[in-house]
Amino acid sequence: MKDKVNVAVIGAGYWGKKILAEYVNLAETVPYVGVSMVCDVADENLAYCHDRLNIPKDRLGRDYEEALCSEEVDAVHICTPNETHHQICMEALKANKHVLLEKPMAMKATQAWELVGTANSRELCLQVGHIFRFNNALKLMQDLIAKEYLGKLYYLKLQWTTLMPSPLNRDIIFDLGPHPVDILNYLLNKWPSKVACKGRAYRRAELEELAYMTMEFENHLMAHVELSWLQPGKIREATIIGTERSATVDCINQLVRIYENSNGESFSLDVKCNNTIADETNHFAVSILGKENSNNPGPVGARNVAVLEKLKESMEQERTLDVNLGN
């Protein structure tokens, strides 16, 4: 068994730079991770990687196929535009590379399951960049829910909003929606049985910039999600309402506040804030080396895409739909 994983980062845009920086830091602190290559079509991004992150020029390339063909590369972290995820990931898997693929893992659930099947048949590690699975505040809340600290749950409300230019050729449901959909699964360990969605584009003719999503789970549990690229101030917050207590989770600052239903008192819980990207990239490496189970495996990403598809269909058909996860 290998004792070191050499990773190539494919895509060095805004998010790819953050990912690469953590791999560089990881490679400097642990012996089992190395950075083999960085690939991006933009010369300015490659220049940043060389000038700011000290990646040698002979490890920079415009063509990601260089990384897939290299025997020095064991794994790739794909940070390219959403619509390219399926193709690049499939090529990487067929080149026998382990893959951490940013969300959404594909634009269709059938494509996502194709990736899962290919990874399984080749015994490769396939993970999806659901970064909030590594958030210590949400880890704490998951544990509290499992222990029924809040009592029986009534409903959850997630707000994922900010004011920003709408990304080119992306709708908010598939671009921002994967996070709250995944957080609900992470907290509840279940997927919705029914979904409904309303969305609108305001600053352009099409592709939604605002969406309201409702998801129904078993035992009358419901969840409501608000997504917006129009609302000032960056909010990433989850509210969980239970029979005994309620809680709010500030997912950016990793703050958890509990509200007692009996007397209205509230208090904060101690959370040791962590670097979620660092923990995710380290987890990818140790998963490949077989040292722990995967926290964000491919099937989770595929089911996430299946829910997103149904949300889009619900919006287009203007009705509530049953969810078929496709597995």
C-alpha atoms as a PDB file:
ATOM      1  CA  MET A   1       0.000   0.000   0.000  1.00  0.00           C
ATOM      2  CA  LYS A   2       1.216   3.499  -0.857  1.00  0.00           C
ATOM      3  CA  ASP A   3       2.331   5.725   1.987  1.00  0.00           C
ATOM      4  CA  LYS A   4       2.002   9.030   0.092  1.00  0.00           C
ATOM      5  CA  VAL A   5      -0.629  10.619  -2.151  1.00  0.00           C
ATOM      6  CA  ASN A   6       0.483  13.014  -4.891  1.00  0.00           C
ATOM      7  CA  VAL A   7      -2.381  15.309  -5.852  1.00  0.00           C
ATOM      8  CA  ALA A   8      -2.982  17.442  -8.933  1.00  0.00           C
ATOM      9  CA  VAL A   9      -5.421  20.358  -8.749  1.00  0.00           C
ATOM     10  CA  ILE A  10      -7.407  20.879 -11.946  1.00  0.00           C
ATOM     11  CA  GLY A  11      -8.826  24.393 -12.090  1.00  0.00           C
ATOM     12  CA  ALA A  12      -7.096  27.277 -10.308  1.00  0.00           C
ATOM     13  CA  GLY A  13      -9.797  29.923 -10.298  1.00  0.00           C
ATOM     14  CA  TYR A  14     -11.252  31.536  -7.155  1.00  0.00           C
ATOM     15  CA  TRP A  15     -12.025  28.254  -5.383  1.00  0.00           C
ATOM     16  CA  GLY A  16      -9.176  26.270  -6.902  1.00  0.00           C
ATOM     17  CA  LYS A  17      -6.638  28.713  -5.452  1.00  0.00           C
ATOM     18  CA  LYS A  18      -8.076  28.157  -1.967  1.00  0.00           C
ATOM     19  CA  ILE A  19      -7.973  24.401  -2.429  1.00  0.00           C
ATOM     20  CA  LEU A  20      -4.410  24.471  -3.763  1.00  0.00           C
ATOM     21  CA  ALA A  21      -3.211  26.628  -0.878  1.00  0.00           C
ATOM     22  CA  GLU A  22      -4.425  24.010   1.583  1.00  0.00           C
ATOM     23  CA  TYR A  23      -2.694  21.188  -0.289  1.00  0.00           C
ATOM     24  CA  VAL A  24       0.519  23.222  -0.255  1.00  0.00           C
ATOM     25  CA  ASN A  25       0.199  23.765   3.491  1.00  0.00           C
ATOM     26  CA  LEU A  26      -0.644  20.101   4.004  1.00  0.00           C
ATOM     27  CA  ALA A  27       2.360  18.958   1.987  1.00  0.00           C
ATOM     28  CA  GLU A  28       4.586  21.107   4.203  1.00  0.00           C
ATOM     29  CA  THR A  29       3.232  19.638   7.436  1.00  0.00           C
ATOM     30  CA  VAL A  30       2.587  15.931   6.777  1.00  0.00           C
ATOM     31  CA  PRO A  31       4.708  13.343   4.947  1.00  0.00           C
ATOM     32  CA  TYR A  32       1.837  11.595   3.165  1.00  0.00           C
ATOM     33  CA  VAL A  33       0.700  14.397   0.790  1.00  0.00           C
ATOM     34  CA  GLY A  34       2.453  16.003  -2.170  1.00  0.00           C
ATOM     35  CA  VAL A  35       1.399  18.488  -4.859  1.00  0.00           C
ATOM     36  CA  SER A  36       2.295  17.059  -8.265  1.00  0.00           C
ATOM     37  CA  MET A  37       0.695  19.456 -10.740  1.00  0.00           C
ATOM     38  CA  VAL A  38      -1.695  22.359 -11.246  1.00  0.00           C
ATOM     39  CA  CYS A  39      -3.709  22.735 -14.456  1.00  0.00           C
ATOM     40  CA  ASP A  40      -5.690  25.756 -15.643  1.00  0.00           C
ATOM     41  CA  VAL A  41      -6.494  27.321 -19.010  1.00  0.00           C
ATOM     42  CA  ALA A  42      -5.775  30.876 -17.788  1.00  0.00           C
ATOM     43  CA  ASP A  43      -2.155  32.030 -17.755  1.00  0.00           C
ATOM     44  CA  GLU A  44      -2.854  34.534 -14.963  1.00  0.00           C
ATOM     45  CA  ASN A  45      -4.075  31.738 -12.688  1.00  0.00           C
ATOM     46  CA  LEU A  46      -0.965  29.685 -13.356  1.00  0.00           C
ATOM     47  CA  ALA A  47       1.178  32.755 -12.703  1.00  0.00           C
ATOM     48  CA  TYR A  48      -0.564  33.214  -9.342  1.00  0.00           C
ATOM     49  CA  CYS A  49       0.178  29.591  -8.440  1.00  0.00           C
ATOM     50  CA  HIS A  50       3.856  30.117  -9.220  1.00  0.00           C
ATOM     51  CA  ASP A  51       4.277  33.585  -7.724  1.00  0.00           C
ATOM     52  CA  ARG A  52       2.081  33.277  -4.621  1.00  0.00           C
ATOM     53  CA  LEU A  53       2.018  29.558  -3.861  1.00  0.00           C
ATOM     54  CA  ASN A  54       5.529  28.674  -5.054  1.00  0.00           C
ATOM     55  CA  ILE A  55       4.479  25.943  -7.457  1.00  0.00           C
ATOM     56  CA  PRO A  56       7.451  25.228  -9.774  1.00  0.00           C
ATOM     57  CA  LYS A  57       6.832  26.126 -13.407  1.00  0.00           C
ATOM     58  CA  ASP A  58       7.464  22.558 -14.542  1.00  0.00           C
ATOM     59  CA  ARG A  59       4.440  21.517 -12.448  1.00  0.00           C
ATOM     60  CA  LEU A  60       2.094  23.997 -14.127  1.00  0.00           C
ATOM     61  CA  GLY A  61       0.104  23.183 -17.253  1.00  0.00           C
ATOM     62  CA  ARG A  62      -2.834  24.371 -19.326  1.00  0.00           C
ATOM     63  CA  ASP A  63      -4.032  20.890 -20.329  1.00  0.00           C
ATOM     64  CA  TYR A  64      -5.478  18.753 -17.526  1.00  0.00           C
ATOM     65  CA  GLU A  65      -4.792  15.634 -19.589  1.00  0.00           C
ATOM     66  CA  GLU A  66      -1.121  16.108 -18.666  1.00  0.00           C
ATOM     67  CA  ALA A  67      -2.058  15.347 -15.072  1.00  0.00           C
ATOM     68  CA  LEU A  68      -4.201  12.374 -16.056  1.00  0.00           C
ATOM     69  CA  CYS A  69      -1.345  10.891 -18.067  1.00  0.00           C
ATOM     70  CA  SER A  70       1.299  11.457 -15.415  1.00  0.00           C
ATOM     71  CA  GLU A  71       2.447   8.462 -13.386  1.00  0.00           C
ATOM     72  CA  GLU A  72       3.447  10.892 -10.631  1.00  0.00           C
ATOM     73  CA  VAL A  73      -0.198  11.877 -10.048  1.00  0.00           C
ATOM     74  CA  ASP A  74      -2.222   9.574  -7.797  1.00  0.00           C
ATOM     75  CA  ALA A  75      -5.275  11.774  -7.333  1.00  0.00           C
ATOM     76  CA  VAL A  76      -6.917  14.896  -8.705  1.00  0.00           C
ATOM     77  CA  HIS A  77      -9.045  17.572  -7.081  1.00  0.00           C
ATOM     78  CA  ILE A  78     -11.355  19.019  -9.759  1.00  0.00           C
ATOM     79  CA  CYS A  79     -12.308  22.691  -9.324  1.00  0.00           C
ATOM     80  CA  THR A  80     -13.506  23.501 -12.843  1.00  0.00           C
ATOM     81  CA  PRO A  81     -16.900  24.982 -13.924  1.00  0.00           C
ATOM     82  CA  ASN A  82     -19.931  22.889 -12.943  1.00  0.00           C
ATOM     83  CA  GLU A  83     -20.811  21.806 -16.465  1.00  0.00           C
ATOM     84  CA  THR A  84     -17.352  20.228 -16.951  1.00  0.00           C
ATOM     85  CA  HIS A  85     -17.385  18.103 -13.791  1.00  0.00           C
ATOM     86  CA  HIS A  86     -18.791  14.916 -15.283  1.00  0.00           C
ATOM     87  CA  GLN A  87     -16.478  14.784 -18.291  1.00  0.00           C
ATOM     88  CA  ILE A  88     -13.239  15.574 -16.464  1.00  0.00           C
ATOM     89  CA  CYS A  89     -14.074  13.283 -13.564  1.00  0.00           C
ATOM     90  CA  MET A  90     -14.900  10.392 -15.879  1.00  0.00           C
ATOM     91  CA  GLU A  91     -11.616  10.873 -17.754  1.00  0.00           C
ATOM     92  CA  ALA A  92      -9.741  10.968 -14.454  1.00  0.00           C
ATOM     93  CA  LEU A  93     -11.376   7.778 -13.181  1.00  0.00           C
ATOM     94  CA  LYS A  94     -10.643   5.990 -16.461  1.00  0.00           C
ATOM     95  CA  ALA A  95      -7.026   7.092 -16.019  1.00  0.00           C
ATOM     96  CA  ASN A  96      -7.137   5.343 -12.605  1.00  0.00           C
ATOM     97  CA  LYS A  97      -6.894   8.527 -10.571  1.00  0.00           C
ATOM     98  CA  HIS A  98      -8.668   9.006  -7.265  1.00  0.00           C
ATOM     99  CA  VAL A  99     -10.954  12.062  -7.431  1.00  0.00           C
ATOM    100  CA  LEU A 100     -12.290  14.752  -5.150  1.00  0.00           C
ATOM    101  CA  LEU A 101     -14.867  16.539  -7.302  1.00  0.00           C
ATOM    102  CA  GLU A 102     -16.360  19.883  -6.367  1.00  0.00           C
ATOM    103  CA  LYS A 103     -20.152  20.116  -6.122  1.00  0.00           C
ATOM    104  CA  PRO A 104     -22.366  19.517  -7.964  1.00  0.00           C
ATOM    105  CA  MET A 105     -20.680  16.352  -9.177  1.00  0.00           C
ATOM    106  CA  ALA A 106     -22.751  16.445 -12.384  1.00  0.00           C
ATOM    107  CA  MET A 107     -25.670  18.307 -13.920  1.00  0.00           C
ATOM    108  CA  LYS A 108     -27.775  15.128 -14.135  1.00  0.00           C
ATOM    109  CA  ALA A 109     -28.274  12.355 -11.601  1.00  0.00           C
ATOM    110  CA  THR A 110     -27.718   9.678 -14.261  1.00  0.00           C
ATOM    111  CA  GLN A 111     -24.284  11.161 -14.979  1.00  0.00           C
ATOM    112  CA  ALA A 112     -23.475  11.290 -11.270  1.00  0.00           C
ATOM    113  CA  TRP A 113     -24.333   7.609 -10.841  1.00  0.00           C
ATOM    114  CA  GLU A 114     -22.155   6.799 -13.875  1.00  0.00           C
ATOM    115  CA  LEU A 115     -19.221   8.316 -12.016  1.00  0.00           C
ATOM    116  CA  VAL A 116     -20.038   6.334  -8.875  1.00  0.00           C
ATOM    117  CA  GLY A 117     -20.236   3.101 -10.865  1.00  0.00           C
ATOM    118  CA  THR A 118     -16.942   3.752 -12.631  1.00  0.00           C
ATOM    119  CA  ALA A 119     -15.147   4.549  -9.372  1.00  0.00           C
ATOM    120  CA  ASN A 120     -16.527   1.418  -7.719  1.00  0.00           C
ATOM    121  CA  SER A 121     -15.586  -0.834 -10.635  1.00  0.00           C
ATOM    122  CA  ARG A 122     -12.010   0.449 -10.541  1.00  0.00           C
ATOM    123  CA  GLU A 123     -11.816   0.497  -6.723  1.00  0.00           C
ATOM    124  CA  LEU A 124     -11.019   4.215  -6.718  1.00  0.00           C
ATOM    125  CA  CYS A 125     -11.818   6.797  -4.096  1.00  0.00           C
ATOM    126  CA  LEU A 126     -14.467   9.258  -5.339  1.00  0.00           C
ATOM    127  CA  GLN A 127     -15.457  12.083  -3.012  1.00  0.00           C
ATOM    128  CA  VAL A 128     -17.511  15.240  -3.521  1.00  0.00           C
ATOM    129  CA  GLY A 129     -16.702  18.707  -2.186  1.00  0.00           C
ATOM    130  CA  HIS A 130     -19.540  19.050   0.302  1.00  0.00           C
ATOM    131  CA  ILE A 131     -17.352  21.228   2.492  1.00  0.00           C
ATOM    132  CA  PHE A 132     -19.841  21.780   5.325  1.00  0.00           C
ATOM    133  CA  ARG A 133     -19.565  18.126   6.333  1.00  0.00           C
ATOM    134  CA  PHE A 134     -16.260  19.225   7.864  1.00  0.00           C
ATOM    135  CA  ASN A 135     -17.710  22.191   9.776  1.00  0.00           C
ATOM    136  CA  ASN A 136     -17.322  21.665  13.531  1.00  0.00           C
ATOM    137  CA  ALA A 137     -20.476  23.598  14.409  1.00  0.00           C
ATOM    138  CA  LEU A 138     -22.537  21.363  12.144  1.00  0.00           C
ATOM    139  CA  LYS A 139     -20.731  18.279  13.496  1.00  0.00           C
ATOM    140  CA  LEU A 140     -21.843  19.296  16.975  1.00  0.00           C
ATOM    141  CA  MET A 141     -25.399  19.888  15.816  1.00  0.00           C
ATOM    142  CA  GLN A 142     -25.503  16.512  14.059  1.00  0.00           C
ATOM    143  CA  ASP A 143     -24.509  14.851  17.336  1.00  0.00           C
ATOM    144  CA  LEU A 144     -27.121  16.798  19.326  1.00  0.00           C
ATOM    145  CA  ILE A 145     -29.877  15.850  16.883  1.00  0.00           C
ATOM    146  CA  ALA A 146     -28.855  12.185  17.002  1.00  0.00           C
ATOM    147  CA  LYS A 147     -29.047  12.302  20.814  1.00  0.00           C
ATOM    148  CA  GLU A 148     -32.480  14.009  20.595  1.00  0.00           C
ATOM    149  CA  TYR A 149     -31.191  16.959  22.609  1.00  0.00           C
ATOM    150  CA  LEU A 150     -33.723  19.216  20.886  1.00  0.00           C
ATOM    151  CA  GLY A 151     -36.505  16.657  21.316  1.00  0.00           C
ATOM    152  CA  LYS A 152     -38.556  15.609  18.318  1.00  0.00           C
ATOM    153  CA  LEU A 153     -37.839  17.892  15.392  1.00  0.00           C
ATOM    154  CA  TYR A 154     -40.605  20.041  13.957  1.00  0.00           C
ATOM    155  CA  TYR A 155     -38.817  21.694  11.060  1.00  0.00           C
ATOM    156  CA  LEU A 156     -35.565  23.242   9.813  1.00  0.00           C
ATOM    157  CA  LYS A 157     -34.906  26.527   8.038  1.00  0.00           C
ATOM    158  CA  LEU A 158     -31.724  27.281   6.111  1.00  0.00           C
ATOM    159  CA  GLN A 159     -30.775  30.694   4.725  1.00  0.00           C
ATOM    160  CA  TRP A 160     -27.998  30.784   2.111  1.00  0.00           C
ATOM    161  CA  THR A 161     -27.945  34.361   0.823  1.00  0.00           C
ATOM    162  CA  THR A 162     -25.524  37.058  -0.294  1.00  0.00           C
ATOM    163  CA  LEU A 163     -25.310  39.986  -2.712  1.00  0.00           C
ATOM    164  CA  MET A 164     -23.065  39.129  -5.658  1.00  0.00           C
ATOM    165  CA  PRO A 165     -23.059  39.133  -9.460  1.00  0.00           C
ATOM    166  CA  SER A 166     -24.824  36.044 -10.757  1.00  0.00           C
ATOM    167  CA  PRO A 167     -22.240  33.554 -12.052  1.00  0.00           C
ATOM    168  CA  LEU A 168     -22.203  33.224 -15.824  1.00  0.00           C
ATOM    169  CA  ASN A 169     -24.284  30.305 -17.142  1.00  0.00           C
ATOM    170  CA  ARG A 170     -25.245  29.094 -13.658  1.00  0.00           C
ATOM    171  CA  ASP A 171     -28.558  28.956 -11.827  1.00  0.00           C
ATOM    172  CA  ILE A 172     -28.675  29.260  -8.065  1.00  0.00           C
ATOM    173  CA  ILE A 173     -30.374  25.905  -7.460  1.00  0.00           C
ATOM    174  CA  PHE A 174     -27.507  23.835  -8.866  1.00  0.00           C
ATOM    175  CA  ASP A 175     -24.722  26.249  -7.924  1.00  0.00           C
ATOM    176  CA  LEU A 176     -25.602  27.226  -4.337  1.00  0.00           C
ATOM    177  CA  GLY A 177     -28.317  24.675  -3.582  1.00  0.00           C
ATOM    178  CA  PRO A 178     -25.998  21.651  -3.132  1.00  0.00           C
ATOM    179  CA  HIS A 179     -24.792  23.029   0.211  1.00  0.00           C
ATOM    180  CA  PRO A 180     -28.114  23.263   2.107  1.00  0.00           C
ATOM    181  CA  VAL A 181     -29.410  20.052   0.523  1.00  0.00           C
ATOM    182  CA  ASP A 182     -26.288  18.243   1.720  1.00  0.00           C
ATOM    183  CA  ILE A 183     -26.408  19.860   5.167  1.00  0.00           C
ATOM    184  CA  LEU A 184     -29.959  18.577   5.644  1.00  0.00           C
ATOM    185  CA  ASN A 185     -28.826  15.050   4.794  1.00  0.00           C
ATOM    186  CA  TYR A 186     -25.774  15.407   7.035  1.00  0.00           C
ATOM    187  CA  LEU A 187     -27.820  16.600  10.026  1.00  0.00           C
ATOM    188  CA  LEU A 188     -30.779  14.245   9.603  1.00  0.00           C
ATOM    189  CA  ASN A 189     -29.143  11.199   7.973  1.00  0.00           C
ATOM    190  CA  LYS A 190     -32.081  11.017   5.564  1.00  0.00           C
ATOM    191  CA  TRP A 191     -33.216  12.397   2.232  1.00  0.00           C
ATOM    192  CA  PRO A 192     -36.491  14.176   1.430  1.00  0.00           C
ATOM    193  CA  SER A 193     -39.412  12.214   0.037  1.00  0.00           C
ATOM    194  CA  LYS A 194     -41.100  15.229  -1.568  1.00  0.00           C
ATOM    195  CA  VAL A 195     -39.853  18.618  -2.761  1.00  0.00           C
ATOM    196  CA  ALA A 196     -41.298  21.890  -4.021  1.00  0.00           C
ATOM    197  CA  CYS A 197     -39.501  24.935  -5.386  1.00  0.00           C
ATOM    198  CA  LYS A 198     -40.158  28.461  -6.618  1.00  0.00           C
ATOM    199  CA  GLY A 199     -37.422  30.489  -8.290  1.00  0.00           C
ATOM    200  CA  ARG A 200     -36.918  33.692 -10.256  1.00  0.00           C
ATOM    201  CA  ALA A 201     -34.345  35.543 -12.336  1.00  0.00           C
ATOM    202  CA  TYR A 202     -34.337  39.336 -11.832  1.00  0.00           C
ATOM    203  CA  ARG A 203     -31.172  40.838 -13.291  1.00  0.00           C
ATOM    204  CA  ARG A 204     -31.164  38.622 -16.384  1.00  0.00           C
ATOM    205  CA  ALA A 205     -33.731  36.960 -18.601  1.00  0.00           C
ATOM    206  CA  GLU A 206     -33.250  33.410 -17.305  1.00  0.00           C
ATOM    207  CA  LEU A 207     -31.336  31.223 -14.840  1.00  0.00           C
ATOM    208  CA  GLU A 208     -32.668  31.698 -11.315  1.00  0.00           C
ATOM    209  CA  GLU A 209     -30.981  34.077  -8.875  1.00  0.00           C
ATOM    210  CA  LEU A 210     -33.500  33.484  -6.077  1.00  0.00           C
ATOM    211  CA  ALA A 211     -35.140  30.247  -4.956  1.00  0.00           C
ATOM    212  CA  TYR A 212     -37.355  29.047  -2.129  1.00  0.00           C
ATOM    213  CA  MET A 213     -37.204  25.293  -1.605  1.00  0.00           C
ATOM    214  CA  THR A 214     -39.421  23.147   0.610  1.00  0.00           C
ATOM    215  CA  MET A 215     -38.512  19.565   1.419  1.00  0.00           C
ATOM    216  CA  GLU A 216     -40.666  16.989   3.195  1.00  0.00           C
ATOM    217  CA  PHE A 217     -39.223  14.106   5.203  1.00  0.00           C
ATOM    218  CA  GLU A 218     -40.810  11.216   7.056  1.00  0.00           C
ATOM    219  CA  ASN A 219     -42.726  11.788  10.326  1.00  0.00           C
ATOM    220  CA  HIS A 220     -44.055  15.209   9.207  1.00  0.00           C
ATOM    221  CA  LEU A 221     -40.587  16.793   9.327  1.00  0.00           C
ATOM    222  CA  MET A 222     -40.156  19.705   6.918  1.00  0.00           C
ATOM    223  CA  ALA A 223     -37.322  21.961   5.813  1.00  0.00           C
ATOM    224  CA  HIS A 224     -37.362  25.324   4.084  1.00  0.00           C
ATOM    225  CA  VAL A 225     -34.356  26.757   2.234  1.00  0.00           C
ATOM    226  CA  GLU A 226     -33.891  30.299   0.944  1.00  0.00           C
ATOM    227  CA  LEU A 227     -31.239  30.899  -1.716  1.00  0.00           C
ATOM    228  CA  SER A 228     -30.384  34.355  -3.030  1.00  0.00           C
ATOM    229  CA  TRP A 229     -27.644  36.216  -4.862  1.00  0.00           C
ATOM    230  CA  LEU A 230     -29.602  39.451  -4.349  1.00  0.00           C
ATOM    231  CA  GLN A 231     -29.695  40.005  -0.586  1.00  0.00           C
ATOM    232  CA  PRO A 232     -26.974  42.176   1.025  1.00  0.00           C
ATOM    233  CA  GLY A 233     -24.812  40.541   3.656  1.00  0.00           C
ATOM    234  CA  LYS A 234     -23.476  36.998   3.504  1.00  0.00           C
ATOM    235  CA  ILE A 235     -25.616  34.628   5.559  1.00  0.00           C
ATOM    236  CA  ARG A 236     -25.046  30.891   5.917  1.00  0.00           C
ATOM    237  CA  GLU A 237     -27.360  29.870   8.731  1.00  0.00           C
ATOM    238  CA  ALA A 238     -29.399  26.868   9.830  1.00  0.00           C
ATOM    239  CA  THR A 239     -32.265  26.988  12.322  1.00  0.00           C
ATOM    240  CA  ILE A 240     -33.568  23.758  13.855  1.00  0.00           C
ATOM    241  CA  ILE A 241     -36.872  23.770  15.761  1.00  0.00           C
ATOM    242  CA  GLY A 242     -37.632  20.956  18.201  1.00  0.00           C
ATOM    243  CA  THR A 243     -40.191  20.076  20.868  1.00  0.00           C
ATOM    244  CA  GLU A 244     -37.778  20.735  23.765  1.00  0.00           C
ATOM    245  CA  ARG A 245     -35.265  23.182  22.367  1.00  0.00           C
ATOM    246  CA  SER A 246     -34.343  25.044  19.209  1.00  0.00           C
ATOM    247  CA  ALA A 247     -30.955  25.980  17.795  1.00  0.00           C
ATOM    248  CA  THR A 248     -29.307  28.312  15.317  1.00  0.00           C
ATOM    249  CA  VAL A 249     -26.032  27.529  13.594  1.00  0.00           C
ATOM    250  CA  ASP A 250     -23.931  30.280  12.024  1.00  0.00           C
ATOM    251  CA  CYS A 251     -22.056  28.125   9.531  1.00  0.00           C
ATOM    252  CA  ILE A 252     -19.540  30.842   8.622  1.00  0.00           C
ATOM    253  CA  ASN A 253     -18.384  31.705  12.138  1.00  0.00           C
ATOM    254  CA  GLN A 254     -19.164  28.227  13.518  1.00  0.00           C
ATOM    255  CA  LEU A 255     -21.435  29.472  16.282  1.00  0.00           C
ATOM    256  CA  VAL A 256     -24.216  27.428  17.889  1.00  0.00           C
ATOM    257  CA  ARG A 257     -26.918  28.997  20.058  1.00  0.00           C
ATOM    258  CA  ILE A 258     -29.535  26.994  21.950  1.00  0.00           C
ATOM    259  CA  TYR A 259     -33.015  28.264  22.918  1.00  0.00           C
ATOM    260  CA  GLU A 260     -34.976  26.602  25.719  1.00  0.00           C
ATOM    261  CA  ASN A 261     -38.647  26.244  24.827  1.00  0.00           C
ATOM    262  CA  SER A 262     -39.686  26.002  28.504  1.00  0.00           C
ATOM    263  CA  ASN A 263     -38.486  29.417  29.649  1.00  0.00           C
ATOM    264  CA  GLY A 264     -37.134  31.232  26.599  1.00  0.00           C
ATOM    265  CA  GLU A 265     -33.563  31.320  27.877  1.00  0.00           C
ATOM    266  CA  SER A 266     -30.721  31.019  25.401  1.00  0.00           C
ATOM    267  CA  PHE A 267     -27.031  30.229  25.564  1.00  0.00           C
ATOM    268  CA  SER A 268     -24.108  29.504  23.259  1.00  0.00           C
ATOM    269  CA  LEU A 269     -22.259  26.204  23.028  1.00  0.00           C
ATOM    270  CA  ASP A 270     -18.505  25.918  22.835  1.00  0.00           C
ATOM    271  CA  VAL A 271     -17.319  25.095  19.326  1.00  0.00           C
ATOM    272  CA  LYS A 272     -13.680  24.713  18.394  1.00  0.00           C
ATOM    273  CA  CYS A 273     -13.595  26.382  14.976  1.00  0.00           C
ATOM    274  CA  ASN A 274     -11.736  24.457  12.307  1.00  0.00           C
ATOM    275  CA  ASN A 275     -10.366  24.986   8.819  1.00  0.00           C
ATOM    276  CA  THR A 276     -12.918  23.028   6.798  1.00  0.00           C
ATOM    277  CA  ILE A 277     -10.919  23.015   3.547  1.00  0.00           C
ATOM    278  CA  ALA A 278      -7.816  21.750   5.321  1.00  0.00           C
ATOM    279  CA  ASP A 279      -9.794  18.979   7.001  1.00  0.00           C
ATOM    280  CA  GLU A 280     -11.506  18.027   3.725  1.00  0.00           C
ATOM    281  CA  THR A 281      -8.254  17.799   1.743  1.00  0.00           C
ATOM    282  CA  ASN A 282      -6.545  15.851   4.510  1.00  0.00           C
ATOM    283  CA  HIS A 283      -9.524  13.506   4.718  1.00  0.00           C
ATOM    284  CA  PHE A 284      -9.273  12.846   0.981  1.00  0.00           C
ATOM    285  CA  ALA A 285      -5.632  11.853   1.297  1.00  0.00           C
ATOM    286  CA  VAL A 286      -6.074   9.578   4.313  1.00  0.00           C
ATOM    287  CA  SER A 287      -9.136   7.969   2.712  1.00  0.00           C
ATOM    288  CA  ILE A 288      -7.025   7.013  -0.308  1.00  0.00           C
ATOM    289  CA  LEU A 289      -4.410   5.578   2.019  1.00  0.00           C
ATOM    290  CA  GLY A 290      -7.117   3.494   3.684  1.00  0.00           C
ATOM    291  CA  LYS A 291      -6.785   5.006   7.125  1.00  0.00           C
ATOM    292  CA  GLU A 292     -10.434   6.034   7.672  1.00  0.00           C
ATOM    293  CA  ASN A 293     -13.871   5.827   6.117  1.00  0.00           C
ATOM    294  CA  SER A 294     -15.068   8.447   3.664  1.00  0.00           C
ATOM    295  CA  ASN A 295     -17.220  11.246   5.083  1.00  0.00           C
ATOM    296  CA  ASN A 296     -18.340  12.532   1.677  1.00  0.00           C
ATOM    297  CA  PRO A 297     -18.523   9.549  -0.714  1.00  0.00           C
ATOM    298  CA  GLY A 298     -19.701   9.639  -4.316  1.00  0.00           C
ATOM    299  CA  PRO A 299     -23.195   8.199  -3.627  1.00  0.00           C
ATOM    300  CA  VAL A 300     -23.939  11.151  -1.337  1.00  0.00           C
ATOM    301  CA  GLY A 301     -23.084  13.529  -4.174  1.00  0.00           C
ATOM    302  CA  ALA A 302     -25.219  11.567  -6.646  1.00  0.00           C
ATOM    303  CA  ARG A 303     -28.257  11.617  -4.368  1.00  0.00           C
ATOM    304  CA  ASN A 304     -27.693  15.329  -3.856  1.00  0.00           C
ATOM    305  CA  VAL A 305     -27.898  15.868  -7.623  1.00  0.00           C
ATOM    306  CA  ALA A 306     -31.078  13.756  -7.766  1.00  0.00           C
ATOM    307  CA  VAL A 307     -32.730  16.068  -5.211  1.00  0.00           C
ATOM    308  CA  LEU A 308     -31.569  19.168  -7.089  1.00  0.00           C
ATOM    309  CA  GLU A 309     -33.031  17.771 -10.313  1.00  0.00           C
ATOM    310  CA  LYS A 310     -36.404  17.271  -8.662  1.00  0.00           C
ATOM    311  CA  LEU A 311     -36.296  20.800  -7.238  1.00  0.00           C
ATOM    312  CA  LYS A 312     -35.708  22.194 -10.727  1.00  0.00           C
ATOM    313  CA  GLU A 313     -38.516  20.044 -12.133  1.00  0.00           C
ATOM    314  CA  SER A 314     -40.845  21.196  -9.375  1.00  0.00           C
ATOM    315  CA  MET A 315     -40.131  24.825 -10.193  1.00  0.00           C
ATOM    316  CA  GLU A 316     -40.673  24.271 -13.906  1.00  0.00           C
ATOM    317  CA  GLN A 317     -43.858  22.240 -13.432  1.00  0.00           C
ATOM    318  CA  GLU A 318     -45.137  24.381 -10.529  1.00  0.00           C
ATOM    319  CA  ARG A 319     -46.050  21.417  -8.356  1.00  0.00           C
ATOM    320  CA  THR A 320     -44.732  19.227  -5.545  1.00  0.00           C
ATOM    321  CA  LEU A 321     -42.826  16.140  -6.714  1.00  0.00           C
ATOM    322  CA  ASP A 322     -41.832  12.807  -5.185  1.00  0.00           C
ATOM    323  CA  VAL A 323     -38.081  12.212  -5.006  1.00  0.00           C
ATOM    324  CA  ASN A 324     -36.427   9.237  -6.722  1.00  0.00           C
ATOM    325  CA  LEU A 325     -32.775   9.078  -5.740  1.00  0.00           C
ATOM    326  CA  GLY A 326     -31.901   6.833  -8.678  1.00  0.00           C
ATOM    327  CA  ASN A 327     -29.966   4.123  -6.791  1.00  0.00           C
END
